[in-house]
């Protein structure tokens, strides 16, 4: 059993009717309340971590500097966290200043001019 698997005692309050239902379910499955709570929390965390909305929120907060990389790893897993880290580094980098190639006619001879707001002011 690794250090992260070591049990930690937590205390919280819950409405009595939920505790009564939990106890009834535990009795039905011949297990205890703690095992059911741990399993329910684990499933909730896994489902939440897999949700697109949650991952977008984590990414936004990470890119904005509100979350540290280690926290992101705990929230979405190491693989997704590493992808976010690489993308963040790419986003923070200088934009590439690439000239259009001279030997290729990108527009195939049919370039279209677009008027911009600056053109309207002049």
C-alpha atoms as a PDB file:
ATOM      1  CA  UNK A   1       0.000   0.000   0.000  1.00  0.00           C
ATOM      2  CA  UNK A   2       1.567   3.320  -1.096  1.00  0.00           C
ATOM      3  CA  UNK A   3       1.500   6.563   0.845  1.00  0.00           C
ATOM      4  CA  UNK A   4      -1.338   7.873  -1.327  1.00  0.00           C
ATOM      5  CA  UNK A   5      -3.391   4.785  -0.423  1.00  0.00           C
ATOM      6  CA  UNK A   6      -3.054   5.322   3.317  1.00  0.00           C
ATOM      7  CA  UNK A   7      -6.468   5.909   4.875  1.00  0.00           C
ATOM      8  CA  UNK A   8      -7.227   9.360   6.213  1.00  0.00           C
ATOM      9  CA  UNK A   9     -10.015  10.011   8.668  1.00  0.00           C
ATOM     10  CA  UNK A  10     -12.475  12.677   7.570  1.00  0.00           C
ATOM     11  CA  UNK A  11     -15.497  14.031   9.345  1.00  0.00           C
ATOM     12  CA  UNK A  12     -18.492  15.694   7.746  1.00  0.00           C
ATOM     13  CA  UNK A  13     -22.130  16.238   8.430  1.00  0.00           C
ATOM     14  CA  UNK A  14     -24.916  14.923   6.261  1.00  0.00           C
ATOM     15  CA  UNK A  15     -28.700  15.068   6.412  1.00  0.00           C
ATOM     16  CA  UNK A  16     -29.959  12.242   8.571  1.00  0.00           C
ATOM     17  CA  UNK A  17     -32.120  10.744   5.832  1.00  0.00           C
ATOM     18  CA  UNK A  18     -29.041  10.242   3.609  1.00  0.00           C
ATOM     19  CA  UNK A  19     -27.167   8.468   6.392  1.00  0.00           C
ATOM     20  CA  UNK A  20     -30.203   6.260   7.022  1.00  0.00           C
ATOM     21  CA  UNK A  21     -30.415   5.345   3.319  1.00  0.00           C
ATOM     22  CA  UNK A  22     -26.682   4.728   3.164  1.00  0.00           C
ATOM     23  CA  UNK A  23     -26.866   2.432   6.179  1.00  0.00           C
ATOM     24  CA  UNK A  24     -29.787   0.527   4.625  1.00  0.00           C
ATOM     25  CA  UNK A  25     -27.839   0.052   1.377  1.00  0.00           C
ATOM     26  CA  UNK A  26     -24.730  -1.025   3.295  1.00  0.00           C
ATOM     27  CA  UNK A  27     -26.776  -3.607   5.173  1.00  0.00           C
ATOM     28  CA  UNK A  28     -28.348  -4.833   1.933  1.00  0.00           C
ATOM     29  CA  UNK A  29     -24.901  -5.381   0.359  1.00  0.00           C
ATOM     30  CA  UNK A  30     -23.399  -6.675   3.614  1.00  0.00           C
ATOM     31  CA  UNK A  31     -20.738  -3.977   3.694  1.00  0.00           C
ATOM     32  CA  UNK A  32     -20.137  -0.892   5.765  1.00  0.00           C
ATOM     33  CA  UNK A  33     -20.932   2.774   5.320  1.00  0.00           C
ATOM     34  CA  UNK A  34     -17.305   3.772   4.797  1.00  0.00           C
ATOM     35  CA  UNK A  35     -16.785   1.368   1.891  1.00  0.00           C
ATOM     36  CA  UNK A  36     -19.899   2.700   0.162  1.00  0.00           C
ATOM     37  CA  UNK A  37     -18.860   6.328   0.702  1.00  0.00           C
ATOM     38  CA  UNK A  38     -15.340   5.736  -0.580  1.00  0.00           C
ATOM     39  CA  UNK A  39     -16.664   3.965  -3.687  1.00  0.00           C
ATOM     40  CA  UNK A  40     -19.246   6.711  -4.334  1.00  0.00           C
ATOM     41  CA  UNK A  41     -16.605   9.429  -3.987  1.00  0.00           C
ATOM     42  CA  UNK A  42     -14.189   7.549  -6.266  1.00  0.00           C
ATOM     43  CA  UNK A  43     -16.850   7.104  -8.962  1.00  0.00           C
ATOM     44  CA  UNK A  44     -17.917  10.752  -8.701  1.00  0.00           C
ATOM     45  CA  UNK A  45     -14.333  11.962  -9.046  1.00  0.00           C
ATOM     46  CA  UNK A  46     -13.692   9.708 -12.061  1.00  0.00           C
ATOM     47  CA  UNK A  47     -16.926  10.792 -13.775  1.00  0.00           C
ATOM     48  CA  UNK A  48     -16.226  14.451 -13.062  1.00  0.00           C
ATOM     49  CA  UNK A  49     -12.623  14.251 -14.275  1.00  0.00           C
ATOM     50  CA  UNK A  50     -13.816  12.707 -17.545  1.00  0.00           C
ATOM     51  CA  UNK A  51     -16.383  15.430 -18.218  1.00  0.00           C
ATOM     52  CA  UNK A  52     -15.547  17.909 -20.968  1.00  0.00           C
ATOM     53  CA  UNK A  53     -16.874  20.832 -18.917  1.00  0.00           C
ATOM     54  CA  UNK A  54     -14.625  19.960 -15.982  1.00  0.00           C
ATOM     55  CA  UNK A  55     -11.555  19.544 -18.183  1.00  0.00           C
ATOM     56  CA  UNK A  56     -12.250  22.897 -19.862  1.00  0.00           C
ATOM     57  CA  UNK A  57     -12.525  24.574 -16.459  1.00  0.00           C
ATOM     58  CA  UNK A  58      -9.251  23.019 -15.293  1.00  0.00           C
ATOM     59  CA  UNK A  59      -7.507  24.065 -18.538  1.00  0.00           C
ATOM     60  CA  UNK A  60      -8.804  27.641 -18.299  1.00  0.00           C
ATOM     61  CA  UNK A  61      -7.705  28.017 -14.695  1.00  0.00           C
ATOM     62  CA  UNK A  62      -4.310  26.443 -15.470  1.00  0.00           C
ATOM     63  CA  UNK A  63      -3.714  28.728 -18.459  1.00  0.00           C
ATOM     64  CA  UNK A  64      -4.710  31.734 -16.334  1.00  0.00           C
ATOM     65  CA  UNK A  65      -2.191  30.736 -13.647  1.00  0.00           C
ATOM     66  CA  UNK A  66      -4.870  29.890 -11.062  1.00  0.00           C
ATOM     67  CA  UNK A  67      -3.830  26.220 -10.804  1.00  0.00           C
ATOM     68  CA  UNK A  68      -0.383  24.686 -10.415  1.00  0.00           C
ATOM     69  CA  UNK A  69       0.651  21.771 -12.613  1.00  0.00           C
ATOM     70  CA  UNK A  70       0.633  19.278  -9.702  1.00  0.00           C
ATOM     71  CA  UNK A  71      -2.961  20.207  -8.894  1.00  0.00           C
ATOM     72  CA  UNK A  72      -3.913  19.774 -12.553  1.00  0.00           C
ATOM     73  CA  UNK A  73      -2.355  16.270 -12.461  1.00  0.00           C
ATOM     74  CA  UNK A  74      -4.500  15.373  -9.454  1.00  0.00           C
ATOM     75  CA  UNK A  75      -7.640  16.695 -11.141  1.00  0.00           C
ATOM     76  CA  UNK A  76      -7.355  15.286 -14.667  1.00  0.00           C
ATOM     77  CA  UNK A  77      -4.547  12.741 -14.557  1.00  0.00           C
ATOM     78  CA  UNK A  78      -0.931  12.839 -15.648  1.00  0.00           C
ATOM     79  CA  UNK A  79      -1.488  12.338 -19.391  1.00  0.00           C
ATOM     80  CA  UNK A  80      -4.053  15.114 -19.805  1.00  0.00           C
ATOM     81  CA  UNK A  81      -2.056  17.389 -17.507  1.00  0.00           C
ATOM     82  CA  UNK A  82       1.042  16.893 -19.657  1.00  0.00           C
ATOM     83  CA  UNK A  83      -0.921  17.796 -22.811  1.00  0.00           C
ATOM     84  CA  UNK A  84      -2.167  20.953 -21.087  1.00  0.00           C
ATOM     85  CA  UNK A  85       1.392  21.804 -20.002  1.00  0.00           C
ATOM     86  CA  UNK A  86       2.686  21.453 -23.568  1.00  0.00           C
ATOM     87  CA  UNK A  87      -0.151  23.524 -24.990  1.00  0.00           C
ATOM     88  CA  UNK A  88       0.357  26.216 -22.350  1.00  0.00           C
ATOM     89  CA  UNK A  89       4.067  26.397 -23.199  1.00  0.00           C
ATOM     90  CA  UNK A  90       3.155  26.660 -26.871  1.00  0.00           C
ATOM     91  CA  UNK A  91       0.595  29.395 -26.193  1.00  0.00           C
ATOM     92  CA  UNK A  92       3.099  31.368 -24.125  1.00  0.00           C
ATOM     93  CA  UNK A  93       5.761  31.139 -26.845  1.00  0.00           C
ATOM     94  CA  UNK A  94       6.413  33.791 -29.433  1.00  0.00           C
ATOM     95  CA  UNK A  95       4.214  33.522 -32.509  1.00  0.00           C
ATOM     96  CA  UNK A  96       5.954  32.141 -35.542  1.00  0.00           C
ATOM     97  CA  UNK A  97       6.792  34.827 -38.090  1.00  0.00           C
ATOM     98  CA  UNK A  98       6.696  32.834 -41.283  1.00  0.00           C
ATOM     99  CA  UNK A  99       6.687  34.437 -44.704  1.00  0.00           C
ATOM    100  CA  UNK A 100       4.445  32.993 -47.363  1.00  0.00           C
ATOM    101  CA  UNK A 101       6.337  30.742 -49.752  1.00  0.00           C
ATOM    102  CA  UNK A 102       7.387  32.486 -52.974  1.00  0.00           C
ATOM    103  CA  UNK A 103       7.091  29.445 -55.182  1.00  0.00           C
ATOM    104  CA  UNK A 104       3.445  28.647 -54.415  1.00  0.00           C
ATOM    105  CA  UNK A 105       0.415  30.694 -55.402  1.00  0.00           C
ATOM    106  CA  UNK A 106      -1.724  30.116 -52.318  1.00  0.00           C
ATOM    107  CA  UNK A 107      -4.763  31.792 -53.885  1.00  0.00           C
ATOM    108  CA  UNK A 108      -4.363  30.125 -57.266  1.00  0.00           C
ATOM    109  CA  UNK A 109      -4.371  33.547 -58.924  1.00  0.00           C
ATOM    110  CA  UNK A 110      -7.747  34.573 -57.462  1.00  0.00           C
ATOM    111  CA  UNK A 111      -6.754  36.673 -54.462  1.00  0.00           C
ATOM    112  CA  UNK A 112      -9.579  38.659 -52.884  1.00  0.00           C
ATOM    113  CA  UNK A 113      -8.951  41.952 -51.120  1.00  0.00           C
ATOM    114  CA  UNK A 114     -10.724  42.507 -47.812  1.00  0.00           C
ATOM    115  CA  UNK A 115     -11.421  45.970 -46.470  1.00  0.00           C
ATOM    116  CA  UNK A 116     -10.585  46.456 -42.822  1.00  0.00           C
ATOM    117  CA  UNK A 117     -11.777  49.058 -40.332  1.00  0.00           C
ATOM    118  CA  UNK A 118      -8.474  50.908 -40.843  1.00  0.00           C
ATOM    119  CA  UNK A 119      -9.255  51.170 -44.577  1.00  0.00           C
ATOM    120  CA  UNK A 120     -12.654  52.704 -43.777  1.00  0.00           C
ATOM    121  CA  UNK A 121     -11.133  55.443 -41.620  1.00  0.00           C
ATOM    122  CA  UNK A 122      -8.665  56.616 -44.305  1.00  0.00           C
END
